[in-house]
C-alpha cells in the first residue's frame, strides 16, 4: 500500500516517498526512550520504538527520522530536562512501514 497524500524527496538521485508527522519521545525511568511517530494523516496504528538509552535515541533521531546531528542533540537535551519531547518531521516510506501498522479493509 502506498502513502496517501505524502510528499517526495530526492536522496542520492532517487525519488523517495515521505510521510509527514510528529516524533514524540519519552524518557523512561530506566533510562530507555520510548519513541513514537504520529503521522499527520490517519491511516494506521503507531508502533513505538524503544531505544535502550539516550545515545541510541539520538542515533535513531538522525538515521530513522532525518534530523541533523545538531537537532538530534537539541532534542536529547530537551528530553533529558523535560522527560518528553515532540518535533515535526517526515520519514520515508520504508521507515513509515516499520512505525505504522496499517489496517486492511475487512469484509
Protein backbone atom coordinates (compact mmCIF):
# COMPACT_ATOMS: atom_id res chain seq x y z
CA UNK A 1 0.00 0.00 0.00
CA UNK A 2 1.39 3.42 -0.93
CA UNK A 3 1.41 6.50 1.21
CA UNK A 4 -1.64 8.64 0.54
CA UNK A 5 -1.08 12.39 0.30
CA UNK A 6 2.62 12.09 1.15
CA UNK A 7 5.39 14.10 -0.40
CA UNK A 8 8.57 13.13 -2.16
CA UNK A 9 12.24 13.96 -1.71
CA UNK A 10 15.33 13.07 -3.69
CA UNK A 11 18.02 11.02 -1.98
CA UNK A 12 21.20 10.20 -3.90
CA UNK A 13 19.49 10.67 -7.28
CA UNK A 14 16.43 8.64 -6.27
CA UNK A 15 12.93 9.90 -5.54
CA UNK A 16 11.60 8.60 -2.21
CA UNK A 17 8.05 8.92 -0.86
CA UNK A 18 7.83 10.59 2.54
CA UNK A 19 5.17 10.83 5.21
CA UNK A 20 4.90 13.94 7.40
CA UNK A 21 4.11 13.69 11.07
CA UNK A 22 5.35 14.26 14.57
CA UNK A 23 8.00 12.45 16.58
CA UNK A 24 7.11 12.04 20.25
CA UNK A 25 9.68 10.69 22.70
CA UNK A 26 9.54 9.97 26.43
CA UNK A 27 12.48 9.26 28.72
CA UNK A 28 11.57 6.30 30.92
CA UNK A 29 12.74 5.69 34.49
CA UNK A 30 15.21 3.00 33.44
CA UNK A 31 16.93 5.40 31.01
CA UNK A 32 15.37 3.92 27.88
CA UNK A 33 13.48 6.13 25.45
CA UNK A 34 10.04 5.37 24.02
CA UNK A 35 9.79 6.90 20.53
CA UNK A 36 6.56 7.18 18.55
CA UNK A 37 5.93 8.64 15.08
CA UNK A 38 2.40 10.01 14.69
CA UNK A 39 1.53 10.69 11.04
CA UNK A 40 -0.35 13.86 10.16
CA UNK A 41 -2.94 11.77 8.36
CA UNK A 42 -4.87 8.93 9.95
CA UNK A 43 -4.49 5.51 8.47
CA UNK A 44 -2.88 3.17 10.93
CA UNK A 45 -1.66 2.49 14.42
CA UNK A 46 1.66 3.90 15.61
CA UNK A 47 4.20 1.26 16.63
CA UNK A 48 6.61 2.66 19.23
CA UNK A 49 10.34 2.12 19.11
CA UNK A 50 12.26 1.58 22.33
CA UNK A 51 15.81 2.94 22.37
CA UNK A 52 17.96 1.42 25.13
CA UNK A 53 19.42 4.77 26.15
CA UNK A 54 19.77 8.42 25.15
CA UNK A 55 22.71 7.72 22.82
CA UNK A 56 20.68 5.14 20.89
CA UNK A 57 17.71 7.54 20.76
CA UNK A 58 19.96 10.28 19.36
CA UNK A 59 21.18 7.90 16.67
CA UNK A 60 17.56 6.95 15.82
CA UNK A 61 16.60 10.62 15.56
CA UNK A 62 19.26 11.03 12.86
CA UNK A 63 19.08 7.73 10.98
CA UNK A 64 15.34 6.96 11.09
CA UNK A 65 13.75 10.37 11.49
CA UNK A 66 16.05 12.53 9.35
CA UNK A 67 17.11 15.10 11.94
CA UNK A 68 20.54 16.66 11.65
CA UNK A 69 23.01 15.60 14.34
CA UNK A 70 22.75 19.11 15.82
CA UNK A 71 18.94 18.95 16.01
CA UNK A 72 19.13 15.45 17.49
CA UNK A 73 21.43 16.74 20.26
CA UNK A 74 18.99 19.58 20.98
CA UNK A 75 16.10 17.08 21.21
CA UNK A 76 18.15 14.87 23.55
CA UNK A 77 18.88 17.91 25.74
CA UNK A 78 15.17 18.71 25.96
CA UNK A 79 14.36 15.07 26.58
CA UNK A 80 16.87 14.96 29.43
CA UNK A 81 15.48 18.06 31.12
CA UNK A 82 11.76 17.72 30.41
CA UNK A 83 11.47 13.90 30.13
CA UNK A 84 9.47 14.24 26.88
CA UNK A 85 9.89 15.97 23.54
CA UNK A 86 7.99 16.38 20.30
CA UNK A 87 9.08 17.63 16.88
CA UNK A 88 7.69 17.78 13.36
CA UNK A 89 9.46 15.55 10.85
CA UNK A 90 9.00 13.37 7.79
CA UNK A 91 10.01 9.76 7.35
CA UNK A 92 10.49 7.83 4.14
CA UNK A 93 8.15 5.07 3.08
CA UNK A 94 10.43 2.24 4.28
CA UNK A 95 10.67 3.73 7.78
CA UNK A 96 6.93 4.51 7.86
CA UNK A 97 6.12 0.84 7.22
CA UNK A 98 8.07 -0.09 10.37
CA UNK A 99 6.49 2.63 12.51
CA UNK A 100 2.86 2.42 11.41
CA UNK A 101 0.67 -0.66 11.17
CA UNK A 102 -1.94 -0.04 8.50
CA UNK A 103 -5.27 -1.75 8.83
CA UNK A 104 -6.66 -3.57 5.85
CA UNK A 105 -10.32 -3.40 4.95
CA UNK A 106 -12.14 -6.44 6.21
CA UNK A 107 -15.27 -7.79 4.62
